[in-house]
Amino acid sequence: MFWIDLTQQARDIRKAFGQFSSSKTQVCNTLKPVEIEFDAQEDVLEATQSVDFDKGDVIIKKSGIYLVIAGPQIAKLRGARNRWIDFWLRVNNVDLPNSNVRRVLTDSQEKDVIPMNAVCPLNRGDTLNIMMAAETEGEGIGIEALQPDGEPTIPSIILTLVQLD
């Protein structure tokens, strides 16, 4: 029987990829768009990742066509009225067309993950951001991280980028 222990070997990956998350709850305290911040980059078998981050900026190190998948976990901390929250992609401070998703929150007990995805060309040095905006401020509308007892952290957002070409 042939067995390879991949946990002990660095992998030579030819296509760029990256996975990022945030262990922080982030809310919309303004009616202006808010940039979502990340605080962790997942280590994938010691492979060299060609995507990096600095707070809310995801920095592309290799040009190509990318699949972008984000899963923000939305929440509303207070308030009884229905309120919407939007999420979209921004590249080099320009909103990516047709990348916006909206969800309406009805009460403070509701939690949901709103998947968003896009395929887009990204060049070396480009900066990608995940943006959010809410209908109102002061109700704690945003993304929520949770720490269940005896389980891994539930991040407020997980972002995955994979180079397709």
C-alpha atoms as a PDB file:
ATOM      1  CA  MET A   1       0.000   0.000   0.000  1.00  0.00           C
ATOM      2  CA  PHE A   2       1.311   3.452  -0.959  1.00  0.00           C
ATOM      3  CA  TRP A   3       0.775   6.254   1.575  1.00  0.00           C
ATOM      4  CA  ILE A   4       1.781   9.917   1.357  1.00  0.00           C
ATOM      5  CA  ASP A   5       1.530  12.082   4.441  1.00  0.00           C
ATOM      6  CA  LEU A   6       0.652  15.489   2.956  1.00  0.00           C
ATOM      7  CA  THR A   7       0.720  17.179   6.353  1.00  0.00           C
ATOM      8  CA  GLN A   8       4.522  16.883   6.405  1.00  0.00           C
ATOM      9  CA  GLN A   9       5.211  18.151   2.881  1.00  0.00           C
ATOM     10  CA  ALA A  10       5.043  21.666   1.475  1.00  0.00           C
ATOM     11  CA  ARG A  11       2.948  21.678  -1.672  1.00  0.00           C
ATOM     12  CA  ASP A  12       3.853  23.375  -4.935  1.00  0.00           C
ATOM     13  CA  ILE A  13       0.600  25.033  -5.992  1.00  0.00           C
ATOM     14  CA  ARG A  14       0.567  26.631  -9.423  1.00  0.00           C
ATOM     15  CA  LYS A  15      -2.777  28.424  -9.173  1.00  0.00           C
ATOM     16  CA  ALA A  16      -3.403  31.129  -6.623  1.00  0.00           C
ATOM     17  CA  PHE A  17      -5.840  30.649  -3.769  1.00  0.00           C
ATOM     18  CA  GLY A  18      -6.616  31.979  -0.343  1.00  0.00           C
ATOM     19  CA  GLN A  19      -9.092  31.532   2.457  1.00  0.00           C
ATOM     20  CA  PHE A  20      -9.757  34.237   5.029  1.00  0.00           C
ATOM     21  CA  SER A  21     -12.096  34.675   7.975  1.00  0.00           C
ATOM     22  CA  SER A  22     -12.948  37.002  10.827  1.00  0.00           C
ATOM     23  CA  SER A  23     -13.496  36.126  14.462  1.00  0.00           C
ATOM     24  CA  LYS A  24     -14.923  39.597  15.135  1.00  0.00           C
ATOM     25  CA  THR A  25     -18.523  40.807  15.104  1.00  0.00           C
ATOM     26  CA  GLN A  26     -18.745  43.820  12.782  1.00  0.00           C
ATOM     27  CA  VAL A  27     -21.784  46.122  12.597  1.00  0.00           C
ATOM     28  CA  CYS A  28     -22.908  48.989  10.393  1.00  0.00           C
ATOM     29  CA  ASN A  29     -22.680  52.071  12.641  1.00  0.00           C
ATOM     30  CA  THR A  30     -23.154  54.386   9.674  1.00  0.00           C
ATOM     31  CA  LEU A  31     -25.378  54.567   6.623  1.00  0.00           C
ATOM     32  CA  LYS A  32     -22.266  54.607   4.419  1.00  0.00           C
ATOM     33  CA  PRO A  33     -20.714  51.375   3.086  1.00  0.00           C
ATOM     34  CA  VAL A  34     -18.481  49.549   5.568  1.00  0.00           C
ATOM     35  CA  GLU A  35     -15.428  47.488   4.609  1.00  0.00           C
ATOM     36  CA  ILE A  36     -15.409  44.051   6.238  1.00  0.00           C
ATOM     37  CA  GLU A  37     -12.134  43.183   7.990  1.00  0.00           C
ATOM     38  CA  PHE A  38     -10.427  39.800   8.226  1.00  0.00           C
ATOM     39  CA  ASP A  39      -8.153  38.608  11.019  1.00  0.00           C
ATOM     40  CA  ALA A  40      -7.176  35.088   9.919  1.00  0.00           C
ATOM     41  CA  GLN A  41      -5.750  33.386   6.846  1.00  0.00           C
ATOM     42  CA  GLU A  42      -6.183  29.630   6.816  1.00  0.00           C
ATOM     43  CA  ASP A  43      -3.046  27.511   6.517  1.00  0.00           C
ATOM     44  CA  VAL A  44      -3.592  24.851   3.850  1.00  0.00           C
ATOM     45  CA  LEU A  45      -0.956  22.120   4.186  1.00  0.00           C
ATOM     46  CA  GLU A  46       1.853  24.689   4.192  1.00  0.00           C
ATOM     47  CA  ALA A  47       1.089  25.520   0.559  1.00  0.00           C
ATOM     48  CA  THR A  48       2.264  28.889  -0.690  1.00  0.00           C
ATOM     49  CA  GLN A  49      -0.758  31.104  -1.087  1.00  0.00           C
ATOM     50  CA  SER A  50      -0.678  33.759  -3.781  1.00  0.00           C
ATOM     51  CA  VAL A  51      -3.266  35.930  -2.061  1.00  0.00           C
ATOM     52  CA  ASP A  52      -2.668  37.897   1.144  1.00  0.00           C
ATOM     53  CA  PHE A  53      -4.608  40.304   3.368  1.00  0.00           C
ATOM     54  CA  ASP A  54      -4.209  43.437   5.439  1.00  0.00           C
ATOM     55  CA  LYS A  55      -7.350  43.959   7.566  1.00  0.00           C
ATOM     56  CA  GLY A  56     -10.097  44.478   4.958  1.00  0.00           C
ATOM     57  CA  ASP A  57      -7.802  44.467   1.926  1.00  0.00           C
ATOM     58  CA  VAL A  58      -7.344  41.134   0.153  1.00  0.00           C
ATOM     59  CA  ILE A  59      -4.227  41.575  -1.984  1.00  0.00           C
ATOM     60  CA  ILE A  60      -3.768  39.629  -5.211  1.00  0.00           C
ATOM     61  CA  LYS A  61      -0.215  38.458  -5.930  1.00  0.00           C
ATOM     62  CA  LYS A  62      -0.891  36.589  -9.184  1.00  0.00           C
ATOM     63  CA  SER A  63      -2.988  37.783 -12.146  1.00  0.00           C
ATOM     64  CA  GLY A  64      -5.810  35.556 -13.358  1.00  0.00           C
ATOM     65  CA  ILE A  65      -9.507  34.797 -13.430  1.00  0.00           C
ATOM     66  CA  TYR A  66     -10.747  34.138  -9.874  1.00  0.00           C
ATOM     67  CA  LEU A  67     -13.760  32.496  -8.306  1.00  0.00           C
ATOM     68  CA  VAL A  68     -14.691  34.509  -5.227  1.00  0.00           C
ATOM     69  CA  ILE A  69     -17.001  32.941  -2.638  1.00  0.00           C
ATOM     70  CA  ALA A  70     -17.963  34.771   0.549  1.00  0.00           C
ATOM     71  CA  GLY A  71     -20.253  33.676   3.355  1.00  0.00           C
ATOM     72  CA  PRO A  72     -21.065  36.475   5.801  1.00  0.00           C
ATOM     73  CA  GLN A  73     -23.074  35.386   8.856  1.00  0.00           C
ATOM     74  CA  ILE A  74     -25.618  38.138   9.321  1.00  0.00           C
ATOM     75  CA  ALA A  75     -27.299  39.236  12.513  1.00  0.00           C
ATOM     76  CA  LYS A  76     -29.328  42.049  14.019  1.00  0.00           C
ATOM     77  CA  LEU A  77     -28.567  42.690  17.686  1.00  0.00           C
ATOM     78  CA  ARG A  78     -31.679  44.746  18.526  1.00  0.00           C
ATOM     79  CA  GLY A  79     -34.819  46.249  17.056  1.00  0.00           C
ATOM     80  CA  ALA A  80     -38.163  44.796  15.973  1.00  0.00           C
ATOM     81  CA  ARG A  81     -38.620  46.264  12.464  1.00  0.00           C
ATOM     82  CA  ASN A  82     -37.635  44.495   9.261  1.00  0.00           C
ATOM     83  CA  ARG A  83     -34.303  45.896   8.025  1.00  0.00           C
ATOM     84  CA  TRP A  84     -32.134  45.059   5.022  1.00  0.00           C
ATOM     85  CA  ILE A  85     -28.395  44.516   4.746  1.00  0.00           C
ATOM     86  CA  ASP A  86     -26.398  44.400   1.486  1.00  0.00           C
ATOM     87  CA  PHE A  87     -23.028  42.810   0.634  1.00  0.00           C
ATOM     88  CA  TRP A  88     -20.938  43.324  -2.504  1.00  0.00           C
ATOM     89  CA  LEU A  89     -17.423  43.146  -3.915  1.00  0.00           C
ATOM     90  CA  ARG A  90     -15.144  46.101  -4.553  1.00  0.00           C
ATOM     91  CA  VAL A  91     -11.909  45.915  -6.584  1.00  0.00           C
ATOM     92  CA  ASN A  92      -9.400  48.776  -6.355  1.00  0.00           C
ATOM     93  CA  ASN A  93     -12.071  51.008  -4.753  1.00  0.00           C
ATOM     94  CA  VAL A  94     -14.556  50.381  -7.594  1.00  0.00           C
ATOM     95  CA  ASP A  95     -17.750  48.408  -6.939  1.00  0.00           C
ATOM     96  CA  LEU A  96     -17.939  45.196  -8.994  1.00  0.00           C
ATOM     97  CA  PRO A  97     -21.127  45.320 -11.117  1.00  0.00           C
ATOM     98  CA  ASN A  98     -23.839  42.770 -10.329  1.00  0.00           C
ATOM     99  CA  SER A  99     -22.109  41.491  -7.187  1.00  0.00           C
ATOM    100  CA  ASN A 100     -24.602  42.789  -4.596  1.00  0.00           C
ATOM    101  CA  VAL A 101     -26.817  40.535  -2.475  1.00  0.00           C
ATOM    102  CA  ARG A 102     -29.531  41.675  -0.031  1.00  0.00           C
ATOM    103  CA  ARG A 103     -31.190  40.029   2.939  1.00  0.00           C
ATOM    104  CA  VAL A 104     -33.953  41.337   5.184  1.00  0.00           C
ATOM    105  CA  LEU A 105     -33.611  40.643   8.912  1.00  0.00           C
ATOM    106  CA  THR A 106     -36.805  40.489  10.942  1.00  0.00           C
ATOM    107  CA  ASP A 107     -35.664  40.143  14.559  1.00  0.00           C
ATOM    108  CA  SER A 108     -32.622  39.899  16.827  1.00  0.00           C
ATOM    109  CA  GLN A 109     -32.838  36.095  17.181  1.00  0.00           C
ATOM    110  CA  GLU A 110     -32.364  35.519  13.458  1.00  0.00           C
ATOM    111  CA  LYS A 111     -28.999  34.374  12.103  1.00  0.00           C
ATOM    112  CA  ASP A 112     -28.232  33.389   8.520  1.00  0.00           C
ATOM    113  CA  VAL A 113     -25.333  32.942   6.130  1.00  0.00           C
ATOM    114  CA  ILE A 114     -25.812  34.822   2.885  1.00  0.00           C
ATOM    115  CA  PRO A 115     -23.655  33.274   0.150  1.00  0.00           C
ATOM    116  CA  MET A 116     -22.228  35.553  -2.480  1.00  0.00           C
ATOM    117  CA  ASN A 117     -20.025  34.627  -5.409  1.00  0.00           C
ATOM    118  CA  ALA A 118     -18.456  36.084  -8.508  1.00  0.00           C
ATOM    119  CA  VAL A 119     -16.006  35.227 -11.241  1.00  0.00           C
ATOM    120  CA  CYS A 120     -13.775  38.143 -12.150  1.00  0.00           C
ATOM    121  CA  PRO A 121     -10.347  38.977 -13.555  1.00  0.00           C
ATOM    122  CA  LEU A 122      -7.884  40.182 -10.920  1.00  0.00           C
ATOM    123  CA  ASN A 123      -4.382  41.474 -11.578  1.00  0.00           C
ATOM    124  CA  ARG A 124      -1.245  41.315  -9.481  1.00  0.00           C
ATOM    125  CA  GLY A 125      -1.441  44.170  -6.975  1.00  0.00           C
ATOM    126  CA  ASP A 126      -5.248  44.448  -7.101  1.00  0.00           C
ATOM    127  CA  THR A 127      -7.077  44.916  -3.813  1.00  0.00           C
ATOM    128  CA  LEU A 128     -10.395  43.140  -3.235  1.00  0.00           C
ATOM    129  CA  ASN A 129     -12.805  44.189  -0.482  1.00  0.00           C
ATOM    130  CA  ILE A 130     -16.085  42.795   0.783  1.00  0.00           C
ATOM    131  CA  MET A 131     -18.427  45.672   1.537  1.00  0.00           C
ATOM    132  CA  MET A 132     -21.637  45.870   3.567  1.00  0.00           C
ATOM    133  CA  ALA A 133     -24.307  48.498   4.090  1.00  0.00           C
ATOM    134  CA  ALA A 134     -27.477  48.494   6.198  1.00  0.00           C
ATOM    135  CA  GLU A 135     -30.803  50.265   5.973  1.00  0.00           C
ATOM    136  CA  THR A 136     -30.361  51.854   9.378  1.00  0.00           C
ATOM    137  CA  GLU A 137     -27.718  52.436  12.029  1.00  0.00           C
ATOM    138  CA  GLY A 138     -28.018  51.779  15.751  1.00  0.00           C
ATOM    139  CA  GLU A 139     -29.690  48.339  15.596  1.00  0.00           C
ATOM    140  CA  GLY A 140     -26.456  46.334  15.458  1.00  0.00           C
ATOM    141  CA  ILE A 141     -27.030  45.094  11.914  1.00  0.00           C
ATOM    142  CA  GLY A 142     -23.955  43.406  10.495  1.00  0.00           C
ATOM    143  CA  ILE A 143     -22.000  40.168  10.708  1.00  0.00           C
ATOM    144  CA  GLU A 144     -21.645  38.166  13.917  1.00  0.00           C
ATOM    145  CA  ALA A 145     -18.962  35.776  15.163  1.00  0.00           C
ATOM    146  CA  LEU A 146     -19.959  33.163  17.732  1.00  0.00           C
ATOM    147  CA  GLN A 147     -18.005  30.881  20.073  1.00  0.00           C
ATOM    148  CA  PRO A 148     -20.151  27.822  20.883  1.00  0.00           C
ATOM    149  CA  ASP A 149     -19.068  25.713  23.873  1.00  0.00           C
ATOM    150  CA  GLY A 150     -16.926  22.762  22.807  1.00  0.00           C
ATOM    151  CA  GLU A 151     -16.992  23.710  19.110  1.00  0.00           C
ATOM    152  CA  PRO A 152     -14.805  25.739  16.746  1.00  0.00           C
ATOM    153  CA  THR A 153     -15.476  29.456  16.363  1.00  0.00           C
ATOM    154  CA  ILE A 154     -18.230  30.401  13.936  1.00  0.00           C
ATOM    155  CA  PRO A 155     -16.549  33.231  11.976  1.00  0.00           C
ATOM    156  CA  SER A 156     -18.517  36.341  11.081  1.00  0.00           C
ATOM    157  CA  ILE A 157     -17.372  35.784   7.486  1.00  0.00           C
ATOM    158  CA  ILE A 158     -15.423  33.239   5.464  1.00  0.00           C
ATOM    159  CA  LEU A 159     -13.935  34.278   2.108  1.00  0.00           C
ATOM    160  CA  THR A 160     -12.438  31.864  -0.420  1.00  0.00           C
ATOM    161  CA  LEU A 161     -10.589  32.846  -3.612  1.00  0.00           C
ATOM    162  CA  VAL A 162      -9.464  30.316  -6.215  1.00  0.00           C
ATOM    163  CA  GLN A 163      -7.681  31.121  -9.457  1.00  0.00           C
ATOM    164  CA  LEU A 164      -9.464  29.344 -12.319  1.00  0.00           C
ATOM    165  CA  ASP A 165      -7.062  29.798 -15.256  1.00  0.00           C
END
